[in-house]
Protein backbone atom coordinates (compact mmCIF):
# COMPACT_ATOMS: atom_id res chain seq x y z
CA MET A 1 96.65 153.69 105.03
CA PRO A 2 94.81 156.80 105.57
CA ALA A 3 91.89 157.33 107.37
CA SER A 4 89.67 158.33 104.98
CA SER A 5 90.27 155.37 102.79
CA GLN A 6 89.90 153.12 105.51
CA LEU A 7 86.82 154.46 106.46
CA THR A 8 85.35 154.11 102.66
CA ASP A 9 86.85 150.35 102.24
CA ASN A 10 84.67 149.41 105.40
CA PRO A 11 81.09 148.36 103.76
CA ASP A 12 79.36 149.13 107.15
CA ASN A 13 80.47 153.09 107.15
CA PRO A 14 78.20 156.10 106.48
CA VAL A 15 80.03 157.28 103.55
CA LYS A 16 79.77 153.88 102.09
CA ARG A 17 76.23 153.87 102.65
CA VAL A 18 75.85 156.97 101.62
CA ASN A 19 77.23 155.77 98.02
CA HIS A 20 74.91 153.04 98.05
CA ALA A 21 72.11 155.63 98.19
CA LEU A 22 72.76 158.19 95.73
CA ASP A 23 72.63 155.16 93.28
CA ALA A 24 69.29 154.02 93.95
CA THR A 25 67.87 157.67 93.15
CA SER A 26 66.73 156.20 89.46
CA ASP A 27 64.11 154.85 91.00
CA HIS A 28 60.88 156.62 90.25
CA HIS A 29 58.60 155.79 93.20
CA GLN A 30 60.96 156.41 96.35
CA GLU A 31 60.56 157.39 100.29
CA TYR A 32 60.36 161.08 100.96
CA ILE A 33 59.95 163.11 103.82
CA ALA A 34 57.59 166.17 104.05
CA HIS A 35 57.81 168.85 106.37
CA VAL A 36 54.69 171.05 106.91
CA ASP A 37 54.67 174.42 108.82
CA VAL A 38 52.32 176.91 109.82
CA ASN A 39 52.73 180.12 108.60
CA SER A 40 53.07 182.51 111.47
CA PHE A 41 51.61 180.23 113.91
CA TYR A 42 50.29 182.27 116.67
CA VAL A 43 49.12 185.20 114.28
CA SER A 44 47.34 183.08 111.76
CA CYS A 45 45.64 181.81 114.91
CA GLU A 46 44.23 184.69 115.95
CA ARG A 47 43.61 186.01 111.87
CA VAL A 48 41.10 182.43 111.83
CA PHE A 49 38.38 184.02 114.18
CA ASP A 50 39.15 187.86 113.98
CA PRO A 51 39.61 188.55 109.87
CA LYS A 52 40.30 192.13 110.61
CA LEU A 53 43.64 191.65 111.40
CA GLU A 54 44.40 190.39 108.02
CA ASN A 55 46.87 192.52 106.24
CA ARG A 56 47.43 194.44 109.17
CA PRO A 57 50.73 194.27 111.43
CA VAL A 58 50.19 192.20 114.11
CA ILE A 59 52.05 190.55 117.10
CA VAL A 60 51.92 188.07 119.85
CA LEU A 61 53.22 188.83 123.40
CA SER A 62 54.84 186.57 125.88
CA ASN A 63 53.55 185.23 128.98
CA ASN A 64 52.75 188.37 131.25
CA ASP A 65 52.59 190.72 127.81
CA GLY A 66 56.19 190.95 128.15
CA CYS A 67 57.76 191.09 124.50
CA ALA A 68 56.85 189.61 121.17
CA VAL A 69 56.98 185.63 120.59
CA ALA A 70 55.05 185.69 117.40
CA ARG A 71 55.28 188.27 114.40
CA SER A 72 53.24 188.72 111.43
CA PRO A 73 55.11 189.79 108.10
CA GLU A 74 53.44 193.22 108.01
CA ALA A 75 55.05 193.77 112.20
CA LYS A 76 58.44 192.01 110.61
CA THR A 77 58.27 194.97 107.60
CA LEU A 78 57.79 197.37 110.28
CA GLY A 79 60.58 196.31 111.89
CA ILE A 80 59.71 194.62 114.80
CA GLY A 81 61.80 192.40 116.25
CA MET A 82 61.35 188.35 118.14
CA GLY A 83 61.93 189.45 122.05
CA ASP A 84 61.41 193.49 121.47
CA ALA A 85 59.53 194.64 124.73
CA TRP A 86 56.27 195.58 124.68
CA PHE A 87 56.17 198.41 126.87
CA LYS A 88 58.88 199.68 123.98
CA LEU A 89 56.36 199.31 121.36
CA ALA A 90 52.83 200.15 122.84
CA ALA A 91 53.58 204.29 122.82
CA ASP A 92 53.81 203.84 118.62
CA ALA A 93 51.37 201.22 118.33
CA GLU A 94 48.22 203.27 117.08
CA ARG A 95 50.41 205.37 114.77
CA LEU A 96 51.59 201.85 113.56
CA GLY A 97 48.81 200.36 113.09
CA LEU A 98 50.23 197.60 115.12
CA VAL A 99 47.89 195.36 116.81
CA ALA A 100 49.08 193.30 119.86
CA LYS A 101 47.31 189.98 121.42
CA SER A 102 48.22 188.35 124.44
CA SER A 103 49.16 184.66 124.16
CA ASN A 104 46.15 182.41 124.05
CA TYR A 105 47.64 178.81 124.78
CA GLU A 106 44.29 177.03 124.84
CA LEU A 107 43.22 178.21 121.23
CA TYR A 108 46.79 177.66 120.26
CA GLY A 109 47.13 174.34 121.19
CA GLU A 110 43.72 173.12 120.10
CA MET A 111 44.26 174.58 116.85
CA SER A 112 47.10 172.80 116.86
CA SER A 113 45.64 169.65 117.61
CA ARG A 114 42.97 169.98 114.13
CA VAL A 115 46.17 170.51 112.00
CA MET A 116 48.14 167.27 113.10
CA SER A 117 44.72 165.21 113.37
CA LEU A 118 44.22 166.34 109.74
CA LEU A 119 48.07 165.41 108.53
CA GLY A 120 47.24 162.31 109.30
CA ARG A 121 44.89 161.53 106.26
CA PHE A 122 48.16 162.21 103.93
CA SER A 123 50.49 159.98 105.98
CA ALA A 124 50.35 156.77 108.54
CA TRP A 125 53.39 157.87 109.71
CA VAL A 126 53.25 161.83 111.27
CA GLU A 127 56.12 162.93 113.77
CA VAL A 128 54.59 165.92 115.58
CA TYR A 129 57.55 168.01 115.88
CA SER A 130 56.46 171.00 117.59
CA ILE A 131 52.90 173.02 117.68
CA ASP A 132 53.06 174.38 114.54
CA GLU A 133 55.26 171.62 112.73
CA ALA A 134 55.28 168.01 111.78
CA PHE A 135 57.26 165.71 109.72
CA LEU A 136 55.10 162.98 107.49
CA GLY A 137 56.28 159.73 105.53
CA VAL A 138 55.17 159.95 101.89
CA LYS A 139 55.86 158.23 98.60
CA GLY A 140 55.63 158.91 95.08
CA THR A 141 56.91 160.15 92.05
CA LEU A 142 58.05 163.83 91.70
CA GLU A 143 54.78 164.95 90.22
CA GLU A 144 52.76 163.22 92.39
CA LEU A 145 54.51 164.48 95.61
CA GLN A 146 53.98 168.29 94.15
CA THR A 147 50.14 167.22 94.04
CA LEU A 148 50.27 165.68 97.12
CA GLY A 149 51.89 169.31 98.82
CA GLU A 150 49.15 170.97 96.73
CA LYS A 151 46.65 169.26 98.37
CA ILE A 152 47.94 169.09 101.98
CA LYS A 153 48.17 172.98 101.65
CA ALA A 154 44.67 173.62 100.55
CA GLU A 155 43.20 170.84 102.71
CA VAL A 156 44.60 172.46 106.27
CA ARG A 157 43.84 176.27 104.65
CA ARG A 158 39.88 174.71 104.03
CA LEU A 159 39.40 173.02 107.00
CA THR A 160 41.15 174.98 109.87
CA GLY A 161 41.69 178.20 108.10
CA LEU A 162 45.94 178.20 108.90
CA PRO A 163 47.85 178.96 106.15
CA VAL A 164 50.99 175.97 105.71
CA CYS A 165 54.30 175.68 103.42
CA VAL A 166 55.21 171.96 102.48
CA GLY A 167 58.46 171.34 101.65
CA ILE A 168 59.25 167.95 100.39
CA ALA A 169 62.68 166.42 100.14
CA LYS A 170 65.07 162.95 101.00
CA SER A 171 65.86 163.85 104.11
CA LYS A 172 64.27 165.75 107.27
CA THR A 173 67.16 168.59 107.06
CA LEU A 174 66.80 169.00 103.38
CA ALA A 175 62.68 169.01 103.77
CA LYS A 176 63.16 171.73 106.19
CA MET A 177 65.25 173.62 104.04
CA ALA A 178 62.63 173.09 101.76
CA ASN A 179 60.19 174.54 103.54
CA LYS A 180 62.18 177.57 103.35
CA ALA A 181 62.38 177.66 100.02
CA ALA A 182 58.60 177.64 100.16
CA LYS A 183 57.74 179.96 102.44
CA HIS A 184 60.37 182.60 100.69
CA ILE A 185 60.52 182.23 96.95
CA SER A 186 57.16 183.33 95.79
CA GLY A 187 56.98 181.01 92.24
CA LEU A 188 56.93 177.83 94.65
CA HIS A 189 53.21 179.13 95.92
CA GLY A 190 54.03 177.50 99.21
CA VAL A 191 54.95 173.90 98.12
CA CYS A 192 58.62 172.71 97.18
CA VAL A 193 59.84 169.58 96.41
CA TRP A 194 63.50 169.71 96.51
CA ASN A 195 64.04 167.40 93.80
CA ARG A 196 61.70 168.66 91.48
CA ALA A 197 62.94 172.63 91.60
CA PRO A 198 65.22 173.90 89.45
CA ARG A 199 68.57 172.89 90.64
CA GLU A 200 69.97 176.33 90.03
CA THR A 201 67.67 177.79 92.42
CA THR A 202 67.88 175.18 95.32
CA GLU A 203 71.77 175.72 94.99
CA ALA A 204 71.30 179.72 95.36
CA LEU A 205 69.38 178.99 98.40
CA LEU A 206 72.33 177.19 99.70
CA ALA A 207 74.59 179.48 98.60
CA ARG A 208 72.99 182.37 100.78
CA LEU A 209 71.61 180.88 103.83
CA PRO A 210 73.78 181.08 106.70
CA ALA A 211 75.23 178.22 108.38
CA ILE A 212 73.10 179.40 111.85
CA GLU A 213 69.59 178.38 109.39
CA ILE A 214 70.48 174.72 109.27
CA TRP A 215 68.40 172.63 111.84
CA GLY A 216 70.60 171.60 114.43
CA ILE A 217 73.34 174.06 114.14
CA GLY A 218 73.62 176.41 117.01
CA PRO A 219 75.67 179.85 117.67
CA ARG A 220 78.46 178.25 119.18
CA LEU A 221 79.00 175.60 116.37
CA THR A 222 78.51 178.44 113.56
CA LYS A 223 81.63 180.49 115.06
CA ARG A 224 83.55 177.08 115.08
CA LEU A 225 82.43 176.31 111.33
CA ARG A 226 83.70 179.79 110.12
CA GLY A 227 86.67 178.88 111.45
CA MET A 228 87.02 176.32 109.01
CA GLY A 229 85.48 178.60 106.45
CA ILE A 230 82.12 177.36 106.38
CA TRP A 231 79.51 179.99 106.27
CA THR A 232 76.80 178.98 104.48
CA ALA A 233 74.76 175.68 104.08
CA LYS A 234 76.02 175.09 100.66
CA ASP A 235 79.53 175.14 102.45
CA LEU A 236 78.76 172.44 104.85
CA ARG A 237 77.01 170.10 102.24
CA ASP A 238 80.36 169.95 100.61
CA ALA A 239 82.55 170.07 103.48
CA ASP A 240 84.32 166.67 104.04
CA ALA A 241 81.87 164.74 105.83
CA VAL A 242 85.01 162.71 107.70
CA ARG A 243 86.44 165.87 108.58
CA ILE A 244 83.18 167.21 110.21
CA ARG A 245 83.18 163.77 111.86
CA ASP A 246 86.58 164.19 113.23
CA LYS A 247 86.20 167.88 114.38
CA PHE A 248 83.07 167.68 116.06
CA SER A 249 81.36 164.35 116.20
CA ILE A 250 78.82 162.09 114.58
CA VAL A 251 75.91 164.46 114.54
CA GLN A 252 77.39 166.90 112.23
CA MET A 253 78.46 164.47 110.18
CA ARG A 254 74.78 163.32 109.69
CA THR A 255 73.94 166.85 109.26
CA VAL A 256 76.25 167.01 106.37
CA LEU A 257 75.33 164.13 104.56
CA GLU A 258 71.44 165.11 105.31
CA LEU A 259 71.75 168.40 103.67
CA ARG A 260 73.24 165.75 100.55
CA GLY A 261 69.78 163.86 100.57
CA ILE A 262 71.34 161.04 102.62
CA PRO A 263 68.46 160.23 105.50
CA CYS A 264 70.48 159.95 108.81
CA ILE A 265 67.68 161.36 111.02
CA PRO A 266 64.87 158.61 111.32
CA MET A 267 61.30 159.63 111.79
CA GLU A 268 59.65 159.34 115.32
CA GLU A 269 56.21 158.72 116.17
CA GLU A 270 56.67 160.66 119.33
CA HIS A 271 59.32 162.97 121.82
CA GLU A 272 60.26 160.90 124.14
CA VAL A 273 60.06 162.67 127.51
CA LYS A 274 63.59 163.06 128.58
CA ASP A 275 65.88 162.98 131.67
CA GLN A 276 63.79 165.98 133.41
CA LEU A 277 60.35 167.96 133.67
CA ILE A 278 60.45 171.23 134.54
CA PHE A 279 57.09 173.42 135.60
CA SER A 280 57.95 176.95 136.18
CA ARG A 281 56.75 180.23 135.47
CA SER A 282 57.03 184.15 136.37
CA PHE A 283 53.98 185.66 137.98
CA ALA A 284 51.72 188.41 137.03
CA GLU A 285 51.51 189.44 140.60
CA PRO A 286 54.29 188.23 143.40
CA ILE A 287 53.13 185.70 145.86
CA THR A 288 53.60 187.00 149.11
CA ASP A 289 51.99 183.74 151.88
CA ARG A 290 52.32 180.44 152.11
CA ILE A 291 48.43 179.78 150.58
CA GLY A 292 49.15 181.52 147.40
CA MET A 293 52.77 179.46 146.81
CA GLU A 294 50.72 175.98 147.77
CA GLN A 295 48.19 176.48 145.30
CA VAL A 296 51.29 176.80 143.08
CA LEU A 297 52.94 174.22 143.94
CA GLY A 298 49.87 171.89 143.74
CA ILE A 299 49.27 173.29 140.54
CA TYR A 300 53.10 172.26 139.08
CA ALA A 301 53.18 168.88 140.58
CA GLN A 302 49.71 168.02 139.19
CA GLN A 303 50.80 169.04 135.91
CA GLY A 304 53.79 167.37 136.56
CA SER A 305 51.51 163.83 137.58
CA ALA A 306 49.77 164.41 133.73
CA ARG A 307 52.56 164.52 131.46
CA LEU A 308 54.18 161.60 133.26
CA HIS A 309 50.85 159.93 132.82
CA ARG A 310 50.13 160.68 129.28
CA HIS A 311 54.40 159.70 128.56
CA ASN A 312 53.53 156.22 130.64
CA LYS A 313 56.15 157.48 133.17
CA HIS A 314 57.51 157.50 136.65
CA ALA A 315 59.62 160.07 138.47
CA ARG A 316 61.92 159.17 141.38
CA VAL A 317 62.76 162.73 142.57
CA LEU A 318 60.85 166.11 142.87
CA SER A 319 62.73 169.59 142.97
CA ALA A 320 60.27 172.78 144.29
CA TRP A 321 62.13 176.16 144.33
CA ALA A 322 60.94 179.89 144.74
CA MET A 323 62.81 183.05 144.21
CA THR A 324 62.26 186.99 144.31
CA SER A 325 62.90 189.21 141.43
CA TYR A 326 66.68 189.74 141.01
CA TYR A 327 65.67 193.61 141.13
CA ASN A 328 64.14 192.90 144.43
CA GLN A 329 67.63 193.11 146.49
CA SER A 330 66.17 193.69 149.76
CA GLN A 331 64.25 190.88 149.81
CA SER A 332 66.60 188.33 148.04
CA HIS A 333 65.24 184.77 148.75
CA GLN A 334 65.76 181.62 146.98
CA PRO A 335 64.47 178.80 148.89
CA ALA A 336 64.54 174.91 147.37
CA VAL A 337 63.90 171.67 148.56
CA THR A 338 64.64 168.48 146.90
CA ILE A 339 62.89 165.13 148.00
CA LYS A 340 63.63 161.59 147.29
CA LEU A 341 59.92 159.92 146.40
CA PRO A 342 59.02 156.83 148.24
CA GLY A 343 59.22 155.04 145.09
CA PRO A 344 59.17 155.79 141.52
CA THR A 345 55.72 157.28 140.79
CA SER A 346 53.37 159.38 138.95
CA ASP A 347 50.84 159.78 141.45
CA PRO A 348 49.29 163.43 141.81
CA VAL A 349 48.42 163.23 145.38
CA VAL A 350 52.41 162.01 146.41
CA LEU A 351 53.84 164.89 143.88
CA THR A 352 51.74 167.24 145.14
CA LYS A 353 52.41 166.49 149.13
CA ALA A 354 56.06 166.28 148.14
CA ALA A 355 56.02 169.40 146.51
CA LYS A 356 54.52 171.24 149.58
CA SER A 357 57.67 170.26 151.53
CA LEU A 358 58.96 173.98 150.21
CA LEU A 359 56.46 176.07 152.38
CA PRO A 360 58.08 175.78 155.70
CA GLN A 361 61.06 177.68 153.82
CA ILE A 362 58.68 180.47 152.18
CA LEU A 363 58.75 183.61 154.44
CA VAL A 364 55.41 185.61 155.17
CA GLY A 365 55.84 188.96 153.54
CA VAL A 366 58.89 188.37 150.85
CA ARG A 367 57.35 188.92 147.55
CA TYR A 368 58.49 185.58 145.39
CA ALA A 369 58.11 186.64 141.39
CA ARG A 370 59.13 182.69 140.20
CA ALA A 371 58.44 179.09 141.55
CA GLY A 372 58.77 175.60 139.95
CA VAL A 373 58.53 172.24 140.09
CA VAL A 374 61.24 169.58 138.83
CA LEU A 375 60.96 166.10 138.29
CA THR A 376 63.84 163.74 137.33
CA ASP A 377 65.17 160.28 137.44
CA LEU A 378 62.21 159.50 135.05
CA ARG A 379 61.82 155.91 133.97
CA PRO A 380 59.17 153.90 132.18
CA VAL A 381 56.26 152.47 133.85
CA ALA A 382 57.48 149.18 133.29
CA MET A 383 60.74 149.50 135.00
CA GLN A 384 59.08 150.16 138.39
CA GLU A 385 60.11 147.18 140.60
CA THR A 386 58.19 143.97 141.05
CA LEU A 387 57.92 144.13 144.83
CA ASP A 388 57.85 147.85 145.59
CA PRO A 389 56.31 148.07 148.69
CA PHE A 390 56.01 152.11 148.53
CA VAL A 391 53.38 152.35 145.77
CA SER A 392 50.79 154.73 147.03
CA ALA A 393 46.77 153.74 147.79
CA HIS A 394 45.80 156.76 145.45
CA GLU A 395 48.06 154.62 142.94
CA GLN A 396 46.52 151.15 143.65
CA LYS A 397 43.15 152.98 143.09
CA GLN A 398 44.23 154.89 139.59
CA ILE A 399 43.65 158.38 140.87
CA GLY A 400 46.04 159.89 138.49
CA ASN A 401 44.51 158.24 135.74
CA LEU A 402 41.02 159.36 136.62
CA VAL A 403 42.08 162.91 137.07
CA GLU A 404 43.87 162.67 133.54
CA GLN A 405 40.53 161.82 131.93
CA ILE A 406 38.33 163.91 133.59
CA ARG A 407 40.49 167.25 132.61
CA ARG A 408 40.75 165.41 128.83
CA GLU A 409 37.16 165.58 128.72
CA HIS A 410 35.84 168.31 130.52
CA GLY A 411 38.86 170.91 130.56
CA MET A 412 42.11 171.45 132.65
CA LYS A 413 40.66 173.41 135.18
CA SER A 414 37.99 171.07 135.46
CA ILE A 415 39.27 169.25 138.77
CA GLY A 416 42.25 169.66 141.02
CA LEU A 417 43.51 168.23 144.03
CA GLY A 418 43.86 170.68 147.59
CA LEU A 419 43.91 174.37 146.41
CA ALA A 420 44.99 173.43 142.29
CA GLY A 421 41.26 172.59 142.44
CA LEU A 422 39.86 175.76 143.17
CA GLN A 423 37.51 177.25 140.70
CA GLN A 424 38.58 180.63 140.80
CA GLY A 425 41.75 181.76 138.98
CA PRO A 426 44.69 182.38 141.27
CA ALA A 427 45.52 185.66 141.71
CA TRP A 428 49.38 185.37 140.74
CA GLU A 429 47.90 183.84 137.24
CA MET A 430 50.16 185.67 134.17
CA LYS A 431 48.68 189.01 132.78
CA ARG A 432 47.02 188.07 129.38
CA GLU A 433 44.81 191.50 129.30
CA MET A 434 44.70 191.57 125.51
CA ARG A 435 43.79 187.83 125.39
CA SER A 436 41.12 187.20 122.25
CA PRO A 437 38.67 184.61 123.27
CA ARG A 438 39.26 180.71 123.86
CA TYR A 439 37.23 180.16 120.89
CA THR A 440 37.40 176.36 120.56
CA THR A 441 37.55 175.21 124.22
CA HIS A 442 35.19 177.39 126.38
CA TRP A 443 31.57 177.24 125.74
CA ALA A 444 30.82 180.96 127.47
CA GLU A 445 33.85 182.43 124.77
CA MET A 446 32.65 180.65 121.33
CA LEU A 447 32.34 183.00 118.75
CA THR A 448 29.37 184.50 118.19
CA VAL A 449 27.95 185.18 114.30
CA LYS A 450 25.20 187.32 113.79
CA ALA A 451 23.15 187.12 110.52
CA ALA A 452 22.56 190.10 108.34
């Protein structure tokens, strides 16, 4: 018997479940997934507090004002690409009317929190997927879903000033596809309920959308799909799901089924912390002494502690490293150290001390351009050994929880251990010469309104 026949005859196989799901589509009140995405998020955050930026080409730059990481539609029209270097664009900026902004992560993070909190009013199940997008579990008739999408769009705009598009479909992959349609098809006015849109519209979108634009399909996989004659989203949807599974994996088979409206990727309340946490950044100014490096390592170790506490995790291993610039051939140096911690911990004191083990390898006078701290062998707190004799005194006193609480209430820089607690920002902090005020997180930078 052919493999495909065996698979179809098995009542527990995915294809059989697909057929049952398709048979159920006659139900008028079904569960759907909404995908809400803020349009040009970083740029839109800037425009909320500076309306003069509306309808102007605006870009937001990466760390140290390096390259464009966000572009307004007007900037895209000028031909500015993602990742274009600012030093190449700066000379023509005035002539083009181009406005560049340094990244303002404090503002973006706080505005994101406002949006996600607001979305919680529309659904009991919200999965925050990234800083500017979320999935919501929704239910209703197609007309009710259209009304809901329009209300979400209007309320987010009214209460935060941010423009969003809403895509609603039976699966996550199709919901993201619906969001693309909502963005690029003007007649949909920013809201697309996939099953309600004209079939010729959705089919045309799938037929012209390259496979690489599908959620979860990367460049390497795209090349292999092209070798099978699969170039577009429609090609992949119509492909033999079993053949895709056999050629690739069950993950790609799920994508095929999701494109057919069969939900295979479950909603998650929160993305799990994965196997490791990495804290690293290039410096605006090179570090040439151990005091500066001690401050860097302390800050990164304590950021790691905070992340572990938020996710109720412990780490067993810490690695710390530093490196000179690739272009600094005369001083090439990449010191590194890996420390097995006394026991599973998220204690900021223990992690900071472990990170400082790198300091003896730091050569005074060498221009270090980057450093990092990596936490590995992560595990839930409940998995810690019951009779572990290495639990630190600071952990018993809940020092880490106390530090995290103070930071939540008074800001990230309100407290720190050792040199990481200095009030004055370090000289190596990333360069953000064109940063707008942090309107929502710093009292001294609140927006001032002058009455006429």
